[in-house]
Protein backbone atom coordinates (compact mmCIF):
# COMPACT_ATOMS: atom_id res chain seq x y z
CA MET A 1 -77.44 11.47 -2.09
CA PHE A 2 -75.46 10.01 0.80
CA PRO A 3 -76.27 6.87 2.79
CA LYS A 4 -77.43 7.47 6.34
CA VAL A 5 -76.04 5.73 9.42
CA THR A 6 -77.04 5.78 13.06
CA ASP A 7 -75.49 8.35 15.38
CA GLN A 8 -75.01 6.05 18.36
CA HIS A 9 -74.04 8.81 20.79
CA LYS A 10 -77.10 10.98 20.42
CA PRO A 11 -80.46 10.56 22.20
CA GLY A 12 -82.83 8.69 19.94
CA GLN A 13 -79.94 7.59 17.72
CA PRO A 14 -80.91 9.70 14.66
CA LEU A 15 -79.83 8.85 11.13
CA VAL A 16 -77.06 11.07 9.78
CA PRO A 17 -75.69 11.35 6.20
CA ASN A 18 -72.33 9.60 5.96
CA GLY A 19 -69.38 9.84 3.59
CA LEU A 20 -69.36 13.58 2.97
CA GLY A 21 -65.59 13.51 3.19
CA VAL A 22 -65.65 12.74 -0.51
CA LEU A 23 -66.65 16.38 -1.05
CA TYR A 24 -63.39 17.41 0.61
CA VAL A 25 -61.50 15.17 -1.81
CA LEU A 26 -63.26 16.69 -4.84
CA PHE A 27 -62.91 20.29 -3.66
CA SER A 28 -59.25 19.90 -2.68
CA THR A 29 -58.36 18.27 -5.97
CA VAL A 30 -60.04 21.01 -8.00
CA TYR A 31 -58.42 23.70 -5.84
CA LEU A 32 -54.93 22.24 -6.24
CA PHE A 33 -55.30 21.69 -9.98
CA LEU A 34 -56.57 25.24 -10.49
CA PHE A 35 -53.75 26.49 -8.31
CA TYR A 36 -51.26 24.69 -10.53
CA PHE A 37 -52.77 25.74 -13.86
CA SER A 38 -53.14 29.35 -12.71
CA GLY A 39 -49.38 29.68 -12.84
CA PHE A 40 -48.87 30.60 -9.19
CA THR A 41 -45.83 29.12 -7.50
CA THR A 42 -45.26 28.06 -3.93
CA ASN A 43 -42.09 27.80 -1.90
CA THR A 44 -41.24 24.26 -0.89
CA ALA A 45 -38.40 22.70 1.03
CA ASN A 46 -36.01 23.44 -1.84
CA ALA A 47 -37.73 25.76 -4.29
CA SER A 48 -34.53 26.41 -6.26
CA ALA A 49 -34.25 22.82 -7.42
CA PRO A 50 -35.74 21.79 -10.78
CA VAL A 51 -39.12 20.14 -10.27
CA SER A 52 -40.91 18.16 -12.97
CA ALA A 53 -43.76 17.20 -10.61
CA PRO A 54 -45.03 20.36 -8.85
CA ALA A 55 -46.20 20.24 -5.25
CA PRO A 56 -49.92 20.95 -5.97
CA LEU A 57 -50.19 17.91 -8.24
CA ILE A 58 -48.33 15.70 -5.78
CA LEU A 59 -50.61 16.75 -2.93
CA ALA A 60 -53.71 16.32 -5.11
CA SER A 61 -52.70 12.78 -6.08
CA CYS A 62 -52.20 11.84 -2.42
CA ILE A 63 -55.59 13.25 -1.40
CA LEU A 64 -57.27 11.42 -4.29
CA PHE A 65 -55.76 8.14 -3.18
CA GLY A 66 -56.82 8.77 0.41
CA GLY A 67 -60.41 9.34 -0.72
CA PHE A 68 -60.33 6.24 -2.92
CA MET A 69 -58.97 4.15 -0.06
CA GLY A 70 -61.72 5.41 2.23
CA LEU A 71 -64.45 4.66 -0.30
CA LEU A 72 -62.99 1.18 -0.81
CA ASP A 73 -63.12 0.62 2.94
CA ASP A 74 -66.73 1.83 3.09
CA TRP A 75 -67.74 -0.52 0.29
CA MET A 76 -65.73 -3.60 1.24
CA ASP A 77 -65.06 -3.11 4.98
CA LEU A 78 -61.34 -3.76 4.55
CA LYS A 79 -59.50 -5.66 7.26
CA TRP A 80 -56.90 -3.71 9.20
CA ARG A 81 -54.09 -5.81 7.75
CA TYR A 82 -54.90 -4.25 4.36
CA LYS A 83 -55.74 -0.75 5.53
CA ALA A 84 -52.50 -0.52 7.46
CA PHE A 85 -50.32 -0.91 4.38
CA MET A 86 -52.42 0.54 1.56
CA PRO A 87 -51.26 4.12 2.27
CA LEU A 88 -47.78 3.03 1.22
CA ILE A 89 -48.98 3.39 -2.37
CA ALA A 90 -49.67 7.08 -1.75
CA SER A 91 -46.06 7.56 -0.66
CA LEU A 92 -44.76 6.87 -4.18
CA PRO A 93 -45.41 10.36 -5.61
CA LEU A 94 -43.98 11.88 -2.42
CA ILE A 95 -40.79 9.82 -2.77
CA TYR A 96 -40.46 10.98 -6.38
CA TYR A 97 -41.10 14.60 -5.42
CA ALA A 98 -38.65 14.57 -2.52
CA ARG A 99 -35.93 13.17 -4.75
CA GLU A 100 -36.69 15.70 -7.51
CA ILE A 101 -36.26 18.73 -5.23
CA HIS A 102 -33.28 17.17 -3.44
CA ALA A 103 -35.13 17.39 -0.11
CA ARG A 104 -33.10 17.58 3.08
CA THR A 105 -32.51 14.12 4.46
CA THR A 106 -31.35 15.29 7.87
CA LEU A 107 -33.41 15.30 11.04
CA LEU A 108 -32.51 18.04 13.48
CA LEU A 109 -33.39 17.63 17.15
CA PRO A 110 -32.79 21.03 18.78
CA TYR A 111 -30.02 20.97 21.42
CA ILE A 112 -29.70 17.19 21.04
CA ALA A 113 -28.33 15.94 17.73
CA THR A 114 -28.59 15.95 13.96
CA PHE A 115 -29.29 12.66 12.19
CA HIS A 116 -28.21 12.15 8.59
CA LEU A 117 -30.74 9.74 7.09
CA GLY A 118 -29.56 9.65 3.47
CA SER A 119 -31.57 7.41 1.15
CA ILE A 120 -33.36 5.93 4.15
CA TYR A 121 -35.43 9.13 4.28
CA PHE A 122 -36.80 8.57 0.76
CA TYR A 123 -37.45 4.84 0.84
CA VAL A 124 -38.21 4.18 4.52
CA ILE A 125 -39.10 7.35 6.42
CA ILE A 126 -41.52 8.87 3.89
CA PRO A 127 -43.51 5.62 3.48
CA LEU A 128 -43.62 5.23 7.28
CA ILE A 129 -44.82 8.83 7.68
CA VAL A 130 -47.68 8.28 5.25
CA MET A 131 -48.65 4.89 6.67
CA ILE A 132 -48.51 5.88 10.35
CA VAL A 133 -50.16 9.29 10.06
CA THR A 134 -52.99 8.08 7.82
CA ASN A 135 -53.90 5.13 10.01
CA ALA A 136 -53.43 7.02 13.28
CA VAL A 137 -55.82 9.78 12.17
CA ASN A 138 -58.36 7.19 11.08
CA MET A 139 -58.16 5.38 14.43
CA LEU A 140 -58.93 8.47 16.51
CA GLY A 141 -62.59 8.88 15.61
CA GLY A 142 -66.06 7.69 16.45
CA LEU A 143 -67.36 10.89 18.08
CA ASN A 144 -68.91 13.92 16.40
CA GLY A 145 -66.14 16.36 15.58
CA LEU A 146 -63.27 14.20 16.74
CA GLU A 147 -62.09 13.08 13.32
CA THR A 148 -62.57 16.54 11.79
CA VAL A 149 -61.67 19.15 14.40
CA CYS A 150 -58.43 17.51 15.57
CA PRO A 151 -56.87 17.06 12.10
CA ALA A 152 -57.77 20.68 11.32
CA ILE A 153 -55.78 21.78 14.38
CA VAL A 154 -52.75 19.79 13.23
CA ILE A 155 -52.92 21.21 9.70
CA LEU A 156 -53.34 24.75 10.99
CA GLY A 157 -50.27 24.33 13.18
CA LEU A 158 -48.20 23.04 10.26
CA MET A 159 -49.43 25.84 8.00
CA THR A 160 -48.22 28.52 10.39
CA ILE A 161 -44.61 27.35 10.00
CA SER A 162 -44.67 26.34 6.33
CA SER A 163 -43.80 28.53 3.36
CA SER A 164 -46.13 26.29 1.33
CA TYR A 165 -49.18 27.13 3.46
CA ILE A 166 -51.13 28.37 0.40
CA LEU A 167 -51.49 24.74 -0.74
CA MET A 168 -53.78 23.97 2.18
CA VAL A 169 -55.75 27.23 2.48
CA GLY A 170 -58.65 26.12 0.28
CA PRO A 171 -58.78 22.52 1.53
CA LEU A 172 -58.62 23.66 5.17
CA ILE A 173 -61.46 26.17 4.76
CA PHE A 174 -63.67 23.52 3.19
CA TRP A 175 -62.66 20.98 5.85
CA LEU A 176 -63.57 23.45 8.60
CA ILE A 177 -67.08 23.72 7.12
CA LEU A 178 -67.39 19.93 7.28
CA ALA A 179 -65.91 19.97 10.79
CA TYR A 180 -68.57 22.41 12.01
CA LEU A 181 -71.39 20.30 10.57
CA ASN A 182 -69.82 17.14 11.94
CA PHE A 183 -69.35 18.63 15.41
CA GLN A 184 -73.06 19.59 15.39
CA GLY A 185 -73.95 15.98 14.53
CA LYS A 186 -75.43 16.85 11.13
CA ILE A 187 -72.99 14.85 8.96
CA PHE A 188 -70.26 12.21 9.09
CA VAL A 189 -67.20 12.46 6.84
CA GLY A 190 -66.75 8.68 6.79
CA ASN A 191 -63.59 6.79 5.95
CA SER A 192 -63.23 8.74 2.71
CA GLY A 193 -62.80 11.87 4.79
CA SER A 194 -60.62 10.48 7.59
CA PHE A 195 -58.19 8.75 5.22
CA ALA A 196 -58.04 11.77 2.89
CA ILE A 197 -57.32 14.23 5.71
CA GLY A 198 -54.74 11.87 7.20
CA ILE A 199 -52.87 11.66 3.92
CA SER A 200 -53.25 15.44 3.54
CA ILE A 201 -51.38 15.95 6.82
CA ALA A 202 -48.62 13.50 5.91
CA ALA A 203 -48.16 14.77 2.35
CA PHE A 204 -48.20 18.44 3.34
CA ALA A 205 -45.61 17.81 6.06
CA VAL A 206 -43.31 16.00 3.63
CA ILE A 207 -43.69 18.70 0.97
CA SER A 208 -42.99 21.39 3.60
CA ASP A 209 -40.11 19.41 5.14
CA LEU A 210 -41.60 19.48 8.64
CA LYS A 211 -40.57 16.06 9.89
CA LEU A 212 -40.00 16.91 13.54
CA SER A 213 -43.02 19.23 13.76
CA LEU A 214 -45.25 16.54 12.29
CA PHE A 215 -44.00 13.98 14.79
CA ILE A 216 -44.69 16.28 17.74
CA SER A 217 -48.12 17.25 16.39
CA ILE A 218 -49.37 13.69 16.05
CA LEU A 219 -48.05 12.37 19.38
CA PRO A 220 -51.63 12.19 20.78
CA TYR A 221 -52.60 10.15 17.73
CA ILE A 222 -49.62 7.84 18.14
CA PHE A 223 -50.42 7.38 21.83
CA ASN A 224 -54.04 6.50 21.00
CA SER A 225 -53.06 4.01 18.29
CA ALA A 226 -50.38 2.39 20.46
CA LEU A 227 -52.83 2.01 23.35
CA ILE A 228 -55.46 0.43 21.09
CA LEU A 229 -53.05 -1.96 19.38
CA LEU A 230 -51.17 -3.03 22.51
CA THR A 231 -54.30 -3.73 24.54
CA PHE A 232 -55.84 -5.64 21.65
CA PHE A 233 -52.62 -7.62 21.13
CA PHE A 234 -52.41 -8.65 24.77
CA THR A 235 -56.10 -8.96 25.67
CA ARG A 236 -57.85 -9.41 22.31
CA LYS A 237 -60.40 -6.82 23.46
CA LYS A 238 -61.42 -3.68 21.61
CA ALA A 239 -61.84 -0.21 23.08
CA GLU A 240 -65.52 0.58 23.63
CA VAL A 241 -67.32 3.48 25.24
CA SER A 242 -70.83 3.24 26.71
CA PHE A 243 -73.59 5.82 26.23
CA ASP A 244 -76.33 6.18 28.84
CA GLY A 245 -78.44 8.54 26.78
CA ASN A 246 -76.66 11.63 28.01
CA LYS A 247 -73.00 10.95 28.80
CA LEU A 248 -70.21 8.65 27.69
CA HIS A 249 -68.31 6.47 30.13
CA SER A 250 -66.00 3.44 30.11
CA ASP A 251 -64.77 0.81 32.54
CA HIS A 252 -61.42 0.27 30.84
CA ARG A 253 -58.52 2.27 29.38
CA ARG A 254 -57.87 0.92 25.90
CA SER A 255 -57.86 4.18 23.89
CA LEU A 256 -57.60 7.92 24.41
CA ILE A 257 -61.39 8.20 24.50
CA THR A 258 -61.85 5.44 27.08
CA LEU A 259 -58.93 6.81 29.10
CA ILE A 260 -60.63 10.21 29.39
CA THR A 261 -64.04 8.71 30.22
CA TYR A 262 -62.72 6.00 32.55
CA HIS A 263 -65.11 6.11 35.53
CA HIS A 264 -65.65 9.77 34.66
CA PRO A 265 -68.83 10.27 32.56
CA LEU A 266 -68.68 13.16 30.09
CA THR A 267 -70.85 14.42 27.27
CA GLU A 268 -69.72 13.78 23.73
CA LYS A 269 -68.78 17.43 23.19
CA GLN A 270 -66.79 17.48 26.45
CA VAL A 271 -64.76 14.46 25.34
CA VAL A 272 -64.11 15.95 21.90
CA GLY A 273 -63.20 19.29 23.47
CA ARG A 274 -60.66 17.74 25.83
CA ILE A 275 -59.00 15.69 23.11
CA ALA A 276 -58.95 18.71 20.80
CA LEU A 277 -57.24 20.69 23.56
CA ILE A 278 -54.60 17.97 23.94
CA VAL A 279 -53.98 18.00 20.18
CA ALA A 280 -53.79 21.81 20.21
CA VAL A 281 -51.14 21.73 22.94
CA PHE A 282 -48.93 19.39 20.94
CA ALA A 283 -49.53 21.37 17.75
CA ALA A 284 -48.35 24.48 19.61
CA LEU A 285 -45.27 22.61 20.83
CA ALA A 286 -44.57 21.61 17.22
CA VAL A 287 -44.69 25.23 16.16
CA VAL A 288 -42.34 26.25 18.97
CA SER A 289 -39.89 23.46 18.09
CA GLN A 290 -39.69 24.76 14.53
CA LEU A 291 -39.01 28.31 15.68
CA ILE A 292 -36.21 27.39 18.07
């Protein structure tokens, strides 16, 4: 049912089914719609405010757009100039939702300062959150388990400090199944999966009003994207990792993957494990920052 692509970091380069992230999109959408129609309610950033567009439907619409964007990229191989800004469309329902519930527009930095963002939060910050998070998650991939395990860690961290955690219980469980199969090299989630999970993180954080926690959680992603973009801007060279049939290694430092394998050969699972540990550390810091 799914097209097969070559797993370039496995001996013999076997063919692996690609694009199974679309199953996450379908399952999550059904889960969220059933959750909404079942009559259950969930606490959001301001549950007492009147809401004409409930959180489950907002989250479902964002995930659907993420999946559509990924499929479009798989079919048309979109240039980065288009992929970078397309997630802005998915921010529209989040802007509407945030305004409907009168979401807090302040950003509190513990022991430092409180910033009052006002309307800038709705029309600038939310679109930037969606655009940056979605693209950053998509850019940190290419190895079995990397684009599935790491986002799951971020979501799990956000869920532990969100009163709206029930929204992501079903989607996370299904994503973890895909992550296990992906880590074992049996499937790829494709762009439909990476874009959908990226938008899931951004939308869930906005709905849960976890601006600072989200920022801390995705710092490894931001670092990876900044390293890739800056080196490409100045050198016009892409980040590439070499595979000798057993281990990965690189002779440059143009991404988080190549930084870890720079003159230090590691197996694919070792690289994924180390990056997952880095993400877990920042996810834990995000949780602590919310509890302070």
